[in-house]
N, C-alpha and C. Protein backbone atom coordinates (compact mmCIF):
# COMPACT_ATOMS: atom_id res chain seq x y z
N MET A 1 78.57 94.98 88.06
CA MET A 1 78.43 94.98 90.30
C MET A 1 79.80 94.89 90.17
N THR A 2 80.23 96.20 90.80
CA THR A 2 81.51 96.68 91.58
C THR A 2 81.90 95.25 92.69
N LYS A 3 83.19 95.38 92.48
CA LYS A 3 84.16 94.23 93.05
C LYS A 3 83.85 94.04 94.61
N LEU A 4 83.36 95.04 95.19
CA LEU A 4 83.07 95.15 96.80
C LEU A 4 81.75 94.34 96.80
N GLY A 5 81.29 94.91 95.36
CA GLY A 5 79.50 94.55 95.79
C GLY A 5 78.86 93.27 95.63
N ALA A 6 80.00 91.94 94.70
CA ALA A 6 80.30 91.52 94.43
C ALA A 6 80.74 90.56 95.92
N GLY A 7 81.47 90.99 96.66
CA GLY A 7 82.43 90.13 98.08
C GLY A 7 81.05 90.30 98.98
N ALA A 8 80.07 91.56 98.22
CA ALA A 8 79.29 91.56 99.81
C ALA A 8 78.36 90.73 99.86
N LEU A 9 77.58 90.67 98.35
CA LEU A 9 77.16 89.56 97.91
C LEU A 9 77.43 88.71 98.94
N LEU A 10 78.68 87.94 98.03
CA LEU A 10 78.95 86.75 98.67
C LEU A 10 78.89 86.40 99.96
N LEU A 11 79.32 87.23 100.95
CA LEU A 11 79.47 86.82 102.14
C LEU A 11 78.18 86.87 102.81
N PHE A 12 77.27 87.99 102.46
CA PHE A 12 75.47 87.79 102.76
C PHE A 12 75.29 86.19 102.24
N CYS A 13 75.86 85.76 101.48
CA CYS A 13 74.65 84.61 100.75
C CYS A 13 75.24 83.51 101.90
N TYR A 14 76.51 83.48 102.67
CA TYR A 14 77.59 82.85 103.03
C TYR A 14 76.75 82.64 104.03
N ILE A 15 76.80 83.84 104.89
CA ILE A 15 75.56 84.13 106.56
C ILE A 15 74.43 83.79 106.72
N ASP A 16 74.09 83.90 105.06
CA ASP A 16 72.59 83.32 105.28
C ASP A 16 72.72 81.69 105.20
N VAL A 17 73.36 80.91 104.92
CA VAL A 17 73.30 79.58 104.48
C VAL A 17 73.67 79.19 106.09
N VAL A 18 74.92 79.56 106.68
CA VAL A 18 75.30 79.14 108.04
C VAL A 18 74.08 79.71 109.06
N ALA A 19 73.52 80.30 108.96
CA ALA A 19 72.35 80.71 109.95
C ALA A 19 71.82 79.93 109.43
N ALA A 20 71.05 79.27 108.57
CA ALA A 20 69.64 78.95 108.46
C ALA A 20 70.45 76.82 108.86
N LEU A 21 71.34 76.84 108.57
CA LEU A 21 71.86 75.33 109.45
C LEU A 21 71.51 75.84 110.35
N ALA A 22 71.99 76.67 111.08
CA ALA A 22 72.31 76.66 112.43
C ALA A 22 70.98 77.01 113.12
N ILE A 23 69.92 77.46 112.34
CA ILE A 23 68.58 77.53 113.30
C ILE A 23 68.14 76.27 112.53
N GLY A 24 68.58 75.26 112.19
CA GLY A 24 67.85 73.91 111.69
C GLY A 24 68.64 72.76 113.03
N ASP A 25 69.24 73.31 113.71
CA ASP A 25 70.33 72.34 114.78
C ASP A 25 71.28 71.56 113.52
N TRP A 26 71.50 71.77 112.60
CA TRP A 26 72.67 70.89 111.52
C TRP A 26 73.92 70.74 112.09
N LEU A 27 74.20 72.67 112.74
CA LEU A 27 75.55 73.05 112.89
C LEU A 27 75.60 73.62 114.60
N PRO A 28 76.21 72.46 115.58
CA PRO A 28 76.21 73.27 116.67
C PRO A 28 77.19 74.29 117.44
N ASP A 29 77.84 74.77 116.76
CA ASP A 29 78.89 75.63 116.59
C ASP A 29 79.08 76.86 115.50
N VAL A 30 78.95 77.73 115.21
CA VAL A 30 78.65 78.83 114.02
C VAL A 30 79.90 79.29 114.00
N GLY A 31 80.40 79.71 115.92
CA GLY A 31 81.30 80.66 115.68
C GLY A 31 82.70 80.53 114.54
N PRO A 32 83.28 79.72 114.83
CA PRO A 32 84.32 79.20 113.76
C PRO A 32 84.17 79.53 112.16
N LEU A 33 82.96 78.85 111.75
CA LEU A 33 82.77 79.10 110.50
C LEU A 33 82.56 80.79 110.48
N LEU A 34 81.56 81.74 111.24
CA LEU A 34 81.28 82.51 110.86
C LEU A 34 82.78 83.73 110.97
N LEU A 35 83.85 83.22 111.61
CA LEU A 35 85.01 84.23 112.00
C LEU A 35 86.02 83.97 110.56
N CYS A 36 86.30 82.40 110.63
CA CYS A 36 87.59 82.00 109.30
C CYS A 36 86.47 82.12 108.05
N GLY A 37 85.37 81.39 107.67
CA GLY A 37 84.34 81.56 107.14
C GLY A 37 83.89 83.25 105.81
N SER A 38 83.70 84.03 107.01
CA SER A 38 83.30 84.89 106.60
C SER A 38 84.54 85.92 105.71
N PRO A 39 85.50 86.12 105.70
CA PRO A 39 86.46 86.67 105.24
C PRO A 39 86.92 86.38 103.55
N ILE A 40 86.87 84.76 103.64
CA ILE A 40 87.08 83.50 103.12
C ILE A 40 85.71 84.04 102.04
N ALA A 41 84.76 83.88 102.13
CA ALA A 41 83.33 84.12 101.29
C ALA A 41 83.43 85.60 100.40
N PHE A 42 83.83 86.84 101.06
CA PHE A 42 83.94 87.25 100.82
C PHE A 42 85.58 88.09 99.58
N GLY A 43 86.59 87.61 100.27
CA GLY A 43 87.53 87.50 98.95
C GLY A 43 86.93 86.93 97.96
N THR A 44 86.40 85.50 98.32
CA THR A 44 86.45 85.04 96.88
C THR A 44 85.55 85.54 95.74
N GLY A 45 84.40 86.22 96.70
CA GLY A 45 83.22 87.51 95.85
C GLY A 45 84.20 88.33 95.08
N PHE A 46 85.14 88.96 95.53
CA PHE A 46 85.84 90.23 95.34
C PHE A 46 87.07 89.79 94.03
N VAL A 47 87.10 88.30 94.37
CA VAL A 47 88.20 88.09 93.14
C VAL A 47 87.75 87.88 91.79
N ALA A 48 86.12 86.68 92.27
CA ALA A 48 85.97 86.68 91.53
C ALA A 48 85.23 87.71 90.17
N GLN A 49 84.87 88.71 90.44
CA GLN A 49 84.57 89.58 89.93
C GLN A 49 85.53 90.40 89.39
N ALA A 50 86.53 90.65 89.91
CA ALA A 50 88.13 91.16 89.19
C ALA A 50 88.62 90.02 88.21
N VAL A 51 88.14 89.10 88.29
CA VAL A 51 88.43 87.94 87.68
C VAL A 51 87.30 87.74 86.15
N HIS A 52 86.08 88.27 86.49
CA HIS A 52 85.47 88.77 85.24
C HIS A 52 85.32 89.95 84.88
N ASP A 53 85.96 91.01 85.34
CA ASP A 53 86.29 92.46 84.87
C ASP A 53 87.22 92.45 83.79
N VAL A 54 87.79 91.01 84.06
CA VAL A 54 89.00 92.03 83.26
C VAL A 54 89.20 90.73 81.79
N ARG A 55 89.03 89.17 82.19
CA ARG A 55 88.41 88.61 81.18
C ARG A 55 87.05 89.45 79.90
N ARG A 56 86.58 90.26 80.51
CA ARG A 56 85.60 90.93 79.72
C ARG A 56 86.11 92.06 78.80
N ARG A 57 86.92 92.67 79.79
CA ARG A 57 87.65 93.93 79.14
C ARG A 57 88.38 92.94 77.78
N ASN A 58 89.40 91.78 78.37
CA ASN A 58 90.01 91.65 77.09
C ASN A 58 89.28 91.30 76.02
N ALA A 59 88.30 90.43 76.27
CA ALA A 59 87.14 89.84 75.40
C ALA A 59 86.84 91.09 74.33
N GLU A 60 86.83 92.93 75.33
CA GLU A 60 86.65 93.75 74.33
C GLU A 60 87.65 94.18 73.68
N ARG A 61 88.90 94.37 74.01
CA ARG A 61 89.92 94.22 73.42
C ARG A 61 90.22 93.66 72.21
N ASP A 62 90.11 92.36 71.95
CA ASP A 62 90.39 91.48 71.13
C ASP A 62 89.09 91.59 69.82
N ALA A 63 88.03 92.23 70.61
CA ALA A 63 86.81 92.57 69.27
C ALA A 63 87.51 93.71 68.52
N ARG A 64 87.47 94.73 68.83
CA ARG A 64 88.52 95.78 68.06
C ARG A 64 88.89 95.40 66.65
N PRO A 65 88.83 95.78 65.85
CA PRO A 65 89.84 95.57 64.76
C PRO A 65 90.92 96.64 64.23
């Protein structure tokens, strides 16, 4: 998965959770959560995939004779 795809996937999951909580009336105001949390969720997914790629490349490099 590309870094952009990982960020987008986490962003959509975050929006789904916030929307579900808003529909169930557990969250009275979702504006601040979406405004602040969406970029954070996207960045977290992007960074997590980048770290995974670096660890995978290091493991492949160390496995070579």
